[in-house]
Amino acid sequence: MAETATDGPVRLAAVARRVGRQVSGLVLVTYGLAHLVIWPGAPTGEGDERLRWNGDSWVEAWVPRAAVEACGGVLLTVAVLGCVAGGVGVLRTPGVRRFWRLAAGTAAGCSLGLFPLVWPGLEPEPREFAAGPVLSGMLLATVVGSGLARRRAARRADRSRPAGRAASGDRGSEGRAGQAGAAEPPPGAPSSGVPSSGAMPSRRRFRRLPWLPGR
């Protein structure tokens, strides 16, 4: 079969979407694993200095340290696992591909809650982690925006579907009415005596017609 002029651009667009999906999934997984820099941390390459959270928080004056560390651990775990699950879902992995928005959105929300909690205790300097809240905010905005766009497209499809069915139904009823009108003779018109099915009456039936002379 010969290729049309649109086959090339369509195929190229499909390849671009597939590559973009794979890159997005890998980036999301990598960002989730990057949260592990907060705890247990990672060496900076300068002696014994490490990127990590030392357990300090601005809520320590009201909440016990153990509760702060437990809350931070839960937020960190959900952020890591949510980003990994979301990235795997973007890669069209069965079982999680339908829930990648939920997983990524939950991870982004937990990440945004984690950074303010641990900000005072980030070492060596909190500003080293400044990109984290920004990326989490961008991820959450992307997930929410794509979800709203998908819902809007579904609503448009639902609205256009009944209208199309009603229009086709009206056309069908009009056609049937026209056929019925064509089959039925107008009022007052003399009857031909011939059935509407087109079958000719028998000879015996013709003899019974009142306007034919009897023998």
N, C-alpha and C. Protein backbone atom coordinates (compact mmCIF):
# COMPACT_ATOMS: atom_id res chain seq x y z
N MET A 1 0.85 -1.19 0.00
CA MET A 1 0.00 0.00 0.00
C MET A 1 0.89 1.25 0.00
N ALA A 2 0.59 2.18 -0.88
CA ALA A 2 1.40 3.39 -0.99
C ALA A 2 1.13 4.31 0.19
N GLU A 3 2.18 4.96 0.66
CA GLU A 3 2.04 5.89 1.78
C GLU A 3 1.50 7.23 1.29
N THR A 4 0.62 7.80 2.07
CA THR A 4 0.09 9.12 1.75
C THR A 4 1.02 10.20 2.28
N ALA A 5 0.68 11.45 1.96
CA ALA A 5 1.54 12.56 2.38
C ALA A 5 1.50 12.80 3.87
N THR A 6 0.44 12.32 4.54
CA THR A 6 0.31 12.55 5.99
C THR A 6 0.87 11.43 6.83
N ASP A 7 1.25 10.31 6.21
CA ASP A 7 1.77 9.18 6.99
C ASP A 7 3.06 9.53 7.69
N GLY A 8 3.93 10.26 7.02
CA GLY A 8 5.22 10.62 7.61
C GLY A 8 5.08 11.49 8.85
N PRO A 9 4.37 12.64 8.78
CA PRO A 9 4.19 13.46 9.98
C PRO A 9 3.47 12.75 11.11
N VAL A 10 2.48 11.91 10.78
CA VAL A 10 1.75 11.20 11.83
C VAL A 10 2.67 10.22 12.53
N ARG A 11 3.48 9.51 11.77
CA ARG A 11 4.42 8.57 12.37
C ARG A 11 5.46 9.29 13.20
N LEU A 12 5.93 10.42 12.73
CA LEU A 12 6.92 11.19 13.48
C LEU A 12 6.33 11.72 14.78
N ALA A 13 5.08 12.16 14.75
CA ALA A 13 4.43 12.64 15.97
C ALA A 13 4.25 11.51 16.98
N ALA A 14 3.93 10.31 16.50
CA ALA A 14 3.79 9.17 17.41
C ALA A 14 5.12 8.82 18.07
N VAL A 15 6.20 8.86 17.30
CA VAL A 15 7.52 8.59 17.86
C VAL A 15 7.90 9.65 18.89
N ALA A 16 7.60 10.92 18.57
CA ALA A 16 7.91 12.00 19.51
C ALA A 16 7.14 11.85 20.81
N ARG A 17 5.86 11.46 20.73
CA ARG A 17 5.09 11.24 21.96
C ARG A 17 5.65 10.09 22.78
N ARG A 18 6.06 9.02 22.10
CA ARG A 18 6.60 7.88 22.83
C ARG A 18 7.91 8.24 23.51
N VAL A 19 8.78 8.95 22.82
CA VAL A 19 10.05 9.36 23.41
C VAL A 19 9.82 10.34 24.56
N GLY A 20 8.90 11.29 24.38
CA GLY A 20 8.59 12.23 25.45
C GLY A 20 8.03 11.54 26.68
N ARG A 21 7.21 10.51 26.48
CA ARG A 21 6.67 9.75 27.60
C ARG A 21 7.77 9.03 28.35
N GLN A 22 8.69 8.43 27.62
CA GLN A 22 9.78 7.71 28.28
C GLN A 22 10.69 8.65 29.06
N VAL A 23 11.00 9.79 28.46
CA VAL A 23 11.85 10.76 29.16
C VAL A 23 11.15 11.29 30.41
N SER A 24 9.85 11.60 30.29
CA SER A 24 9.11 12.11 31.45
C SER A 24 9.07 11.08 32.58
N GLY A 25 8.86 9.82 32.23
CA GLY A 25 8.82 8.78 33.25
C GLY A 25 10.15 8.62 33.96
N LEU A 26 11.25 8.64 33.21
CA LEU A 26 12.57 8.50 33.83
C LEU A 26 12.91 9.70 34.70
N VAL A 27 12.54 10.90 34.25
CA VAL A 27 12.79 12.10 35.05
C VAL A 27 12.01 12.06 36.35
N LEU A 28 10.77 11.59 36.30
CA LEU A 28 9.95 11.52 37.50
C LEU A 28 10.52 10.51 38.50
N VAL A 29 10.97 9.36 38.00
CA VAL A 29 11.59 8.37 38.88
C VAL A 29 12.86 8.93 39.50
N THR A 30 13.68 9.60 38.69
CA THR A 30 14.92 10.18 39.20
C THR A 30 14.65 11.23 40.26
N TYR A 31 13.64 12.06 40.05
CA TYR A 31 13.32 13.09 41.04
C TYR A 31 12.84 12.46 42.34
N GLY A 32 12.09 11.38 42.26
CA GLY A 32 11.66 10.70 43.47
C GLY A 32 12.84 10.16 44.27
N LEU A 33 13.79 9.53 43.58
CA LEU A 33 14.96 9.00 44.27
C LEU A 33 15.86 10.11 44.80
N ALA A 34 15.81 11.29 44.18
CA ALA A 34 16.63 12.40 44.66
C ALA A 34 16.20 12.87 46.04
N HIS A 35 14.99 12.55 46.46
CA HIS A 35 14.57 12.92 47.81
C HIS A 35 15.38 12.20 48.89
N LEU A 36 16.02 11.11 48.52
CA LEU A 36 16.84 10.38 49.49
C LEU A 36 18.06 11.18 49.92
N VAL A 37 18.35 12.28 49.21
CA VAL A 37 19.44 13.16 49.65
C VAL A 37 19.10 13.79 51.00
N ILE A 38 17.82 13.99 51.26
CA ILE A 38 17.42 14.55 52.55
C ILE A 38 17.74 13.56 53.68
N TRP A 39 17.42 12.33 53.47
CA TRP A 39 17.76 11.27 54.42
C TRP A 39 17.75 9.94 53.68
N PRO A 40 18.78 9.13 53.80
CA PRO A 40 19.93 9.22 54.71
C PRO A 40 21.01 10.20 54.32
N GLY A 41 20.89 10.83 53.15
CA GLY A 41 21.86 11.84 52.76
C GLY A 41 22.84 11.34 51.72
N ALA A 42 23.73 12.22 51.31
CA ALA A 42 24.73 11.89 50.29
C ALA A 42 25.96 12.75 50.53
N PRO A 43 27.15 12.20 50.26
CA PRO A 43 28.37 12.99 50.48
C PRO A 43 28.49 14.12 49.46
N THR A 44 29.04 15.23 49.89
CA THR A 44 29.24 16.38 49.02
C THR A 44 30.58 16.33 48.28
N GLY A 45 31.47 15.45 48.72
CA GLY A 45 32.79 15.36 48.12
C GLY A 45 33.82 16.24 48.79
N GLU A 46 33.44 16.92 49.83
CA GLU A 46 34.36 17.79 50.56
C GLU A 46 34.54 17.23 51.98
N GLY A 47 35.46 16.34 52.13
CA GLY A 47 35.73 15.75 53.44
C GLY A 47 34.57 14.89 53.90
N ASP A 48 34.17 15.06 55.15
CA ASP A 48 33.07 14.29 55.73
C ASP A 48 31.73 15.00 55.62
N GLU A 49 31.67 16.09 54.89
CA GLU A 49 30.43 16.86 54.77
C GLU A 49 29.42 16.07 53.94
N ARG A 50 28.15 16.13 54.38
CA ARG A 50 27.09 15.39 53.71
C ARG A 50 25.88 16.29 53.52
N LEU A 51 25.16 16.01 52.45
CA LEU A 51 23.84 16.60 52.24
C LEU A 51 22.84 15.75 53.00
N ARG A 52 22.15 16.34 53.99
CA ARG A 52 21.24 15.54 54.79
C ARG A 52 20.37 16.44 55.65
N TRP A 53 19.44 15.80 56.33
CA TRP A 53 18.61 16.47 57.33
C TRP A 53 19.05 15.98 58.70
N ASN A 54 19.40 16.91 59.58
CA ASN A 54 19.91 16.55 60.90
C ASN A 54 18.81 16.36 61.94
N GLY A 55 17.53 16.47 61.53
CA GLY A 55 16.43 16.25 62.45
C GLY A 55 15.83 17.50 63.04
N ASP A 56 16.47 18.66 62.84
CA ASP A 56 15.93 19.91 63.37
C ASP A 56 14.73 20.37 62.55
N SER A 57 13.82 21.10 63.20
CA SER A 57 12.64 21.62 62.54
C SER A 57 12.15 22.84 63.29
N TRP A 58 11.37 23.66 62.62
CA TRP A 58 10.86 24.87 63.25
C TRP A 58 9.67 24.57 64.17
N VAL A 59 9.17 23.34 64.13
CA VAL A 59 8.05 22.99 65.01
C VAL A 59 8.51 22.24 66.26
N GLU A 60 9.83 22.16 66.45
CA GLU A 60 10.34 21.42 67.61
C GLU A 60 9.93 22.05 68.93
N ALA A 61 9.63 23.34 68.92
CA ALA A 61 9.23 24.00 70.17
C ALA A 61 7.86 23.54 70.64
N TRP A 62 7.03 22.99 69.74
CA TRP A 62 5.68 22.56 70.12
C TRP A 62 5.48 21.05 69.98
N VAL A 63 6.29 20.40 69.17
CA VAL A 63 6.12 18.97 68.90
C VAL A 63 7.39 18.24 69.30
N PRO A 64 7.28 17.07 69.91
CA PRO A 64 8.49 16.32 70.28
C PRO A 64 9.32 15.96 69.05
N ARG A 65 10.61 15.85 69.24
CA ARG A 65 11.52 15.56 68.14
C ARG A 65 11.21 14.23 67.48
N ALA A 66 10.82 13.24 68.30
CA ALA A 66 10.50 11.93 67.73
C ALA A 66 9.31 12.03 66.78
N ALA A 67 8.30 12.84 67.13
CA ALA A 67 7.14 13.00 66.26
C ALA A 67 7.53 13.73 64.97
N VAL A 68 8.43 14.71 65.10
CA VAL A 68 8.88 15.43 63.90
C VAL A 68 9.62 14.48 62.97
N GLU A 69 10.49 13.65 63.51
CA GLU A 69 11.24 12.71 62.68
C GLU A 69 10.32 11.67 62.05
N ALA A 70 9.32 11.22 62.81
CA ALA A 70 8.37 10.25 62.25
C ALA A 70 7.56 10.87 61.12
N CYS A 71 7.08 12.09 61.32
CA CYS A 71 6.30 12.78 60.28
C CYS A 71 7.16 13.03 59.04
N GLY A 72 8.40 13.47 59.26
CA GLY A 72 9.29 13.68 58.13
C GLY A 72 9.59 12.39 57.39
N GLY A 73 9.74 11.28 58.14
CA GLY A 73 9.99 10.00 57.48
C GLY A 73 8.81 9.54 56.64
N VAL A 74 7.60 9.75 57.13
CA VAL A 74 6.41 9.36 56.37
C VAL A 74 6.29 10.20 55.09
N LEU A 75 6.45 11.52 55.22
CA LEU A 75 6.37 12.39 54.04
C LEU A 75 7.45 12.04 53.03
N LEU A 76 8.63 11.75 53.50
CA LEU A 76 9.73 11.39 52.60
C LEU A 76 9.43 10.08 51.88
N THR A 77 8.94 9.11 52.62
CA THR A 77 8.65 7.80 52.00
C THR A 77 7.57 7.91 50.94
N VAL A 78 6.50 8.64 51.25
CA VAL A 78 5.41 8.80 50.27
C VAL A 78 5.90 9.57 49.05
N ALA A 79 6.73 10.59 49.26
CA ALA A 79 7.25 11.37 48.13
C ALA A 79 8.09 10.50 47.21
N VAL A 80 8.96 9.67 47.79
CA VAL A 80 9.82 8.82 46.96
C VAL A 80 9.00 7.77 46.23
N LEU A 81 8.17 7.02 46.96
CA LEU A 81 7.40 5.96 46.34
C LEU A 81 6.36 6.49 45.34
N GLY A 82 5.76 7.65 45.66
CA GLY A 82 4.78 8.22 44.75
C GLY A 82 5.41 8.65 43.43
N CYS A 83 6.57 9.28 43.50
CA CYS A 83 7.24 9.70 42.26
C CYS A 83 7.69 8.49 41.44
N VAL A 84 8.20 7.47 42.12
CA VAL A 84 8.62 6.27 41.39
C VAL A 84 7.42 5.58 40.74
N ALA A 85 6.31 5.44 41.49
CA ALA A 85 5.12 4.83 40.92
C ALA A 85 4.54 5.67 39.78
N GLY A 86 4.55 7.00 39.95
CA GLY A 86 4.06 7.86 38.87
C GLY A 86 4.91 7.75 37.63
N GLY A 87 6.24 7.72 37.80
CA GLY A 87 7.12 7.59 36.64
C GLY A 87 6.96 6.26 35.95
N VAL A 88 6.80 5.19 36.72
CA VAL A 88 6.57 3.87 36.12
C VAL A 88 5.22 3.84 35.40
N GLY A 89 4.24 4.53 35.96
CA GLY A 89 2.94 4.60 35.29
C GLY A 89 3.01 5.38 33.99
N VAL A 90 3.80 6.44 33.96
CA VAL A 90 3.96 7.20 32.71
C VAL A 90 4.59 6.32 31.63
N LEU A 91 5.41 5.38 32.03
CA LEU A 91 6.04 4.45 31.09
C LEU A 91 5.11 3.34 30.64
N ARG A 92 3.81 3.45 30.99
CA ARG A 92 2.76 2.52 30.55
C ARG A 92 2.94 1.13 31.14
N THR A 93 3.39 1.06 32.37
CA THR A 93 3.53 -0.24 33.03
C THR A 93 2.15 -0.70 33.49
N PRO A 94 1.75 -1.94 33.15
CA PRO A 94 0.43 -2.42 33.57
C PRO A 94 0.28 -2.39 35.08
N GLY A 95 -0.90 -2.03 35.53
CA GLY A 95 -1.20 -1.99 36.94
C GLY A 95 -1.10 -0.62 37.57
N VAL A 96 -0.25 0.25 37.04
CA VAL A 96 -0.08 1.59 37.62
C VAL A 96 -0.26 2.70 36.60
N ARG A 97 -0.37 2.36 35.33
CA ARG A 97 -0.44 3.42 34.32
C ARG A 97 -1.73 4.23 34.41
N ARG A 98 -2.79 3.66 34.99
CA ARG A 98 -4.04 4.39 35.13
C ARG A 98 -4.03 5.33 36.32
N PHE A 99 -3.08 5.16 37.23
CA PHE A 99 -3.07 5.94 38.46
C PHE A 99 -1.82 6.80 38.59
N TRP A 100 -1.16 7.10 37.47
CA TRP A 100 0.09 7.85 37.59
C TRP A 100 -0.17 9.28 38.06
N ARG A 101 -1.29 9.88 37.67
CA ARG A 101 -1.59 11.24 38.14
C ARG A 101 -1.83 11.26 39.64
N LEU A 102 -2.56 10.30 40.15
CA LEU A 102 -2.81 10.23 41.58
C LEU A 102 -1.51 10.03 42.36
N ALA A 103 -0.66 9.13 41.87
CA ALA A 103 0.60 8.86 42.55
C ALA A 103 1.53 10.06 42.51
N ALA A 104 1.66 10.68 41.34
CA ALA A 104 2.55 11.82 41.21
C ALA A 104 2.03 13.03 41.98
N GLY A 105 0.71 13.26 41.94
CA GLY A 105 0.15 14.38 42.68
C GLY A 105 0.30 14.21 44.19
N THR A 106 0.09 12.99 44.69
CA THR A 106 0.29 12.73 46.12
C THR A 106 1.74 12.94 46.51
N ALA A 107 2.65 12.47 45.66
CA ALA A 107 4.07 12.64 45.95
C ALA A 107 4.46 14.11 45.96
N ALA A 108 3.95 14.87 45.01
CA ALA A 108 4.27 16.30 44.97
C ALA A 108 3.73 17.02 46.21
N GLY A 109 2.53 16.67 46.64
CA GLY A 109 1.98 17.29 47.84
C GLY A 109 2.79 16.96 49.08
N CYS A 110 3.20 15.70 49.23
CA CYS A 110 4.02 15.32 50.38
C CYS A 110 5.38 15.99 50.34
N SER A 111 5.94 16.14 49.14
CA SER A 111 7.23 16.81 49.01
C SER A 111 7.12 18.28 49.41
N LEU A 112 6.03 18.93 48.99
CA LEU A 112 5.84 20.33 49.38
C LEU A 112 5.61 20.48 50.88
N GLY A 113 5.05 19.47 51.51
CA GLY A 113 4.91 19.51 52.96
C GLY A 113 6.19 19.15 53.70
N LEU A 114 7.05 18.36 53.04
CA LEU A 114 8.30 17.93 53.68
C LEU A 114 9.32 19.05 53.79
N PHE A 115 9.50 19.80 52.71
CA PHE A 115 10.56 20.81 52.71
C PHE A 115 10.36 21.90 53.78
N PRO A 116 9.19 22.44 53.96
CA PRO A 116 9.04 23.42 55.06
C PRO A 116 9.29 22.81 56.43
N LEU A 117 8.95 21.53 56.60
CA LEU A 117 9.13 20.89 57.90
C LEU A 117 10.61 20.74 58.26
N VAL A 118 11.42 20.34 57.26
CA VAL A 118 12.83 20.01 57.53
C VAL A 118 13.78 21.14 57.16
N TRP A 119 13.25 22.24 56.66
CA TRP A 119 14.11 23.29 56.11
C TRP A 119 15.20 23.77 57.08
N PRO A 120 14.90 24.05 58.35
CA PRO A 120 15.96 24.55 59.23
C PRO A 120 17.07 23.52 59.49
N GLY A 121 16.78 22.23 59.32
CA GLY A 121 17.78 21.21 59.63
C GLY A 121 18.50 20.66 58.42
N LEU A 122 18.36 21.26 57.27
CA LEU A 122 19.05 20.78 56.07
C LEU A 122 20.51 21.23 56.10
N GLU A 123 21.41 20.31 55.83
CA GLU A 123 22.85 20.59 55.85
C GLU A 123 23.44 20.32 54.47
N PRO A 124 24.52 21.00 54.08
CA PRO A 124 25.22 22.03 54.88
C PRO A 124 24.49 23.37 54.91
N GLU A 125 23.69 23.68 53.87
CA GLU A 125 22.91 24.92 53.84
C GLU A 125 21.55 24.61 53.24
N PRO A 126 20.47 25.15 53.80
CA PRO A 126 19.15 24.90 53.20
C PRO A 126 19.04 25.35 51.76
N ARG A 127 19.79 26.37 51.38
CA ARG A 127 19.68 26.86 50.00
C ARG A 127 20.17 25.83 48.98
N GLU A 128 20.93 24.84 49.43
CA GLU A 128 21.37 23.78 48.53
C GLU A 128 20.18 22.94 48.04
N PHE A 129 19.09 23.01 48.76
CA PHE A 129 17.90 22.22 48.42
C PHE A 129 16.79 23.10 47.84
N ALA A 130 17.11 24.30 47.41
CA ALA A 130 16.08 25.24 46.96
C ALA A 130 15.34 24.75 45.73
N ALA A 131 15.97 23.93 44.92
CA ALA A 131 15.30 23.45 43.70
C ALA A 131 14.19 22.45 44.02
N GLY A 132 14.25 21.82 45.18
CA GLY A 132 13.24 20.80 45.52
C GLY A 132 11.82 21.33 45.57
N PRO A 133 11.53 22.36 46.37
CA PRO A 133 10.15 22.87 46.40
C PRO A 133 9.68 23.40 45.05
N VAL A 134 10.59 23.99 44.29
CA VAL A 134 10.19 24.51 42.97
C VAL A 134 9.77 23.38 42.04
N LEU A 135 10.56 22.31 42.00
CA LEU A 135 10.22 21.18 41.14
C LEU A 135 8.94 20.49 41.60
N SER A 136 8.76 20.39 42.91
CA SER A 136 7.54 19.76 43.41
C SER A 136 6.31 20.60 43.06
N GLY A 137 6.43 21.92 43.16
CA GLY A 137 5.32 22.79 42.76
C GLY A 137 5.00 22.66 41.29
N MET A 138 6.03 22.58 40.45
CA MET A 138 5.81 22.41 39.01
C MET A 138 5.16 21.06 38.72
N LEU A 139 5.59 20.02 39.42
CA LEU A 139 4.99 18.70 39.22
C LEU A 139 3.51 18.70 39.61
N LEU A 140 3.19 19.31 40.74
CA LEU A 140 1.79 19.35 41.16
C LEU A 140 0.94 20.15 40.18
N ALA A 141 1.46 21.27 39.69
CA ALA A 141 0.71 22.07 38.71
C ALA A 141 0.50 21.29 37.41
N THR A 142 1.51 20.53 36.99
CA THR A 142 1.39 19.74 35.76
C THR A 142 0.33 18.66 35.91
N VAL A 143 0.34 17.97 37.05
CA VAL A 143 -0.63 16.90 37.27
C VAL A 143 -2.04 17.45 37.32
N VAL A 144 -2.24 18.54 38.06
CA VAL A 144 -3.57 19.13 38.17
C VAL A 144 -4.04 19.65 36.81
N GLY A 145 -3.15 20.32 36.07
CA GLY A 145 -3.53 20.84 34.77
C GLY A 145 -3.89 19.75 33.78
N SER A 146 -3.11 18.67 33.75
CA SER A 146 -3.43 17.57 32.82
C SER A 146 -4.73 16.87 33.22
N GLY A 147 -4.98 16.75 34.52
CA GLY A 147 -6.24 16.15 34.95
C GLY A 147 -7.45 16.99 34.57
N LEU A 148 -7.35 18.30 34.74
CA LEU A 148 -8.47 19.18 34.36
C LEU A 148 -8.69 19.17 32.86
N ALA A 149 -7.61 19.15 32.07
CA ALA A 149 -7.75 19.11 30.62
C ALA A 149 -8.42 17.81 30.17
N ARG A 150 -8.05 16.72 30.80
CA ARG A 150 -8.66 15.44 30.44
C ARG A 150 -10.14 15.42 30.80
N ARG A 151 -10.49 15.96 31.96
CA ARG A 151 -11.89 15.99 32.35
C ARG A 151 -12.71 16.89 31.42
N ARG A 152 -12.13 18.02 31.00
CA ARG A 152 -12.84 18.91 30.10
C ARG A 152 -13.07 18.24 28.74
N ALA A 153 -12.07 17.51 28.26
CA ALA A 153 -12.24 16.80 26.99
C ALA A 153 -13.30 15.72 27.10
N ALA A 154 -13.37 15.03 28.23
CA ALA A 154 -14.39 14.00 28.42
C ALA A 154 -15.79 14.62 28.45
N ARG A 155 -15.92 15.78 29.08
CA ARG A 155 -17.23 16.44 29.11
C ARG A 155 -17.67 16.87 27.72
N ARG A 156 -16.75 17.39 26.93
CA ARG A 156 -17.10 17.77 25.56
C ARG A 156 -17.54 16.57 24.75
N ALA A 157 -16.87 15.45 24.93
CA ALA A 157 -17.26 14.25 24.20
C ALA A 157 -18.65 13.78 24.63
N ASP A 158 -18.95 13.86 25.93
CA ASP A 158 -20.26 13.44 26.40
C ASP A 158 -21.37 14.37 25.89
N ARG A 159 -21.05 15.65 25.77
CA ARG A 159 -22.07 16.59 25.29
C ARG A 159 -22.34 16.41 23.80
N SER A 160 -21.33 16.12 23.03
CA SER A 160 -21.52 15.98 21.58
C SER A 160 -22.13 14.65 21.20
N ARG A 161 -21.98 13.63 22.02
CA ARG A 161 -22.49 12.31 21.67
C ARG A 161 -24.00 12.26 21.62
N PRO A 162 -24.77 12.73 22.61
CA PRO A 162 -26.24 12.68 22.50
C PRO A 162 -26.79 13.55 21.38
N ALA A 163 -26.14 14.68 21.11
CA ALA A 163 -26.62 15.54 20.02
C ALA A 163 -26.53 14.83 18.69
N GLY A 164 -25.44 14.11 18.47
CA GLY A 164 -25.29 13.37 17.22
C GLY A 164 -26.31 12.26 17.09
N ARG A 165 -26.58 11.58 18.22
CA ARG A 165 -27.57 10.51 18.17
C ARG A 165 -28.96 11.06 17.91
N ALA A 166 -29.30 12.22 18.54
CA ALA A 166 -30.62 12.81 18.33
C ALA A 166 -30.80 13.25 16.88
N ALA A 167 -29.75 13.83 16.31
CA ALA A 167 -29.84 14.28 14.92
C ALA A 167 -30.05 13.11 13.98
N SER A 168 -29.32 12.02 14.22
CA SER A 168 -29.49 10.86 13.36
C SER A 168 -30.87 10.25 13.54
N GLY A 169 -31.39 10.30 14.80
CA GLY A 169 -32.74 9.79 15.03
C GLY A 169 -33.79 10.62 14.33
N ASP A 170 -33.61 11.95 14.33
CA ASP A 170 -34.56 12.82 13.63
C ASP A 170 -34.54 12.56 12.13
N ARG A 171 -33.33 12.39 11.60
CA ARG A 171 -33.26 12.13 10.16
C ARG A 171 -33.91 10.80 9.82
N GLY A 172 -33.71 9.81 10.70
CA GLY A 172 -34.33 8.51 10.44
C GLY A 172 -35.85 8.58 10.51
N SER A 173 -36.39 9.33 11.49
CA SER A 173 -37.85 9.45 11.60
C SER A 173 -38.42 10.22 10.43
N GLU A 174 -37.70 11.26 9.98
CA GLU A 174 -38.18 12.01 8.82
C GLU A 174 -38.22 11.13 7.58
N GLY A 175 -37.18 10.30 7.45
CA GLY A 175 -37.16 9.41 6.28
C GLY A 175 -38.30 8.41 6.33
N ARG A 176 -38.55 7.85 7.51
CA ARG A 176 -39.65 6.90 7.62
C ARG A 176 -41.00 7.57 7.38
N ALA A 177 -41.16 8.82 7.88
CA ALA A 177 -42.42 9.54 7.65
C ALA A 177 -42.61 9.83 6.17
N GLY A 178 -41.50 10.19 5.49
CA GLY A 178 -41.62 10.45 4.06
C GLY A 178 -42.02 9.21 3.29
N GLN A 179 -41.44 8.06 3.66
CA GLN A 179 -41.81 6.83 2.98
C GLN A 179 -43.27 6.47 3.23
N ALA A 180 -43.72 6.70 4.50
CA ALA A 180 -45.12 6.40 4.80
C ALA A 180 -46.05 7.33 4.04
N GLY A 181 -45.66 8.62 3.94
CA GLY A 181 -46.50 9.56 3.20
C GLY A 181 -46.57 9.24 1.73
N ALA A 182 -45.47 8.77 1.20
CA ALA A 182 -45.48 8.42 -0.22
C ALA A 182 -46.31 7.17 -0.47
N ALA A 183 -46.36 6.27 0.51
CA ALA A 183 -47.10 5.03 0.32
C ALA A 183 -48.60 5.25 0.44
N GLU A 184 -49.02 6.19 1.33
CA GLU A 184 -50.44 6.39 1.55
C GLU A 184 -50.99 7.41 0.55
N PRO A 185 -52.13 7.15 -0.10
CA PRO A 185 -52.72 8.11 -1.05
C PRO A 185 -53.34 9.28 -0.31
N PRO A 186 -53.41 10.43 -0.92
CA PRO A 186 -54.02 11.59 -0.27
C PRO A 186 -55.50 11.37 -0.05
N PRO A 187 -56.11 12.08 0.93
CA PRO A 187 -57.55 11.90 1.19
C PRO A 187 -58.39 12.33 -0.01
N GLY A 188 -59.44 11.56 -0.31
CA GLY A 188 -60.34 11.89 -1.42
C GLY A 188 -59.90 11.35 -2.75
N ALA A 189 -58.67 10.83 -2.82
CA ALA A 189 -58.21 10.32 -4.11
C ALA A 189 -58.86 8.96 -4.35
N PRO A 190 -59.25 8.67 -5.60
CA PRO A 190 -59.88 7.37 -5.91
C PRO A 190 -58.88 6.26 -5.70
N SER A 191 -59.39 5.21 -5.14
CA SER A 191 -58.52 4.06 -4.91
C SER A 191 -58.37 3.27 -6.18
N SER A 192 -57.19 2.83 -6.41
CA SER A 192 -56.94 2.06 -7.63
C SER A 192 -57.31 0.61 -7.47
N GLY A 193 -57.54 0.20 -6.22
CA GLY A 193 -57.88 -1.20 -6.02
C GLY A 193 -56.68 -2.10 -6.00
N VAL A 194 -55.50 -1.56 -6.20
CA VAL A 194 -54.28 -2.36 -6.22
C VAL A 194 -53.65 -2.26 -4.86
N PRO A 195 -53.31 -3.32 -4.20
CA PRO A 195 -52.69 -3.25 -2.88
C PRO A 195 -51.37 -2.51 -2.94
N SER A 196 -51.02 -1.89 -1.78
CA SER A 196 -49.78 -1.12 -1.72
C SER A 196 -48.55 -1.98 -1.89
N SER A 197 -48.65 -3.26 -1.63
CA SER A 197 -47.50 -4.13 -1.79
C SER A 197 -47.14 -4.35 -3.24
N GLY A 198 -48.02 -3.96 -4.18
CA GLY A 198 -47.70 -4.12 -5.59
C GLY A 198 -48.23 -5.41 -6.18
N ALA A 199 -48.84 -6.27 -5.38
CA ALA A 199 -49.37 -7.53 -5.90
C ALA A 199 -50.71 -7.29 -6.59
N MET A 200 -50.89 -7.84 -7.76
CA MET A 200 -52.14 -7.68 -8.51
C MET A 200 -53.23 -8.54 -7.90
N PRO A 201 -54.46 -8.00 -7.81
CA PRO A 201 -55.56 -8.82 -7.28
C PRO A 201 -55.91 -9.95 -8.23
N SER A 202 -56.49 -10.95 -7.70
CA SER A 202 -56.85 -12.12 -8.52
C SER A 202 -58.05 -11.79 -9.42
N ARG A 203 -58.36 -12.67 -10.35
CA ARG A 203 -59.47 -12.46 -11.29
C ARG A 203 -60.80 -12.47 -10.55
N ARG A 204 -60.92 -13.30 -9.54
CA ARG A 204 -62.15 -13.37 -8.77
C ARG A 204 -62.38 -12.06 -8.02
N ARG A 205 -61.30 -11.43 -7.53
CA ARG A 205 -61.45 -10.18 -6.81
C ARG A 205 -61.88 -9.06 -7.74
N PHE A 206 -61.38 -9.07 -9.00
CA PHE A 206 -61.80 -8.07 -9.98
C PHE A 206 -63.30 -8.17 -10.26
N ARG A 207 -63.84 -9.33 -10.22
CA ARG A 207 -65.27 -9.49 -10.50
C ARG A 207 -66.12 -8.83 -9.42
N ARG A 208 -65.60 -8.72 -8.20
CA ARG A 208 -66.37 -8.16 -7.10
C ARG A 208 -66.26 -6.64 -7.03
N LEU A 209 -65.38 -6.02 -7.81
CA LEU A 209 -65.26 -4.58 -7.79
C LEU A 209 -66.54 -3.93 -8.32
N PRO A 210 -67.09 -2.90 -7.67
CA PRO A 210 -68.46 -2.38 -8.05
C PRO A 210 -68.47 -1.71 -9.39
N TRP A 211 -67.36 -1.13 -9.85
CA TRP A 211 -67.46 -0.38 -11.11
C TRP A 211 -67.23 -1.24 -12.34
N LEU A 212 -66.94 -2.53 -12.15
CA LEU A 212 -66.78 -3.39 -13.31
C LEU A 212 -68.13 -4.02 -13.65
N PRO A 213 -68.49 -4.05 -14.93
CA PRO A 213 -69.79 -4.63 -15.31
C PRO A 213 -69.78 -6.15 -15.06
N GLY A 214 -70.87 -6.59 -14.48
CA GLY A 214 -70.97 -8.01 -14.24
C GLY A 214 -71.33 -8.76 -15.49
N ARG A 215 -70.99 -10.03 -15.53
CA ARG A 215 -71.30 -10.84 -16.69
C ARG A 215 -72.67 -11.50 -16.54
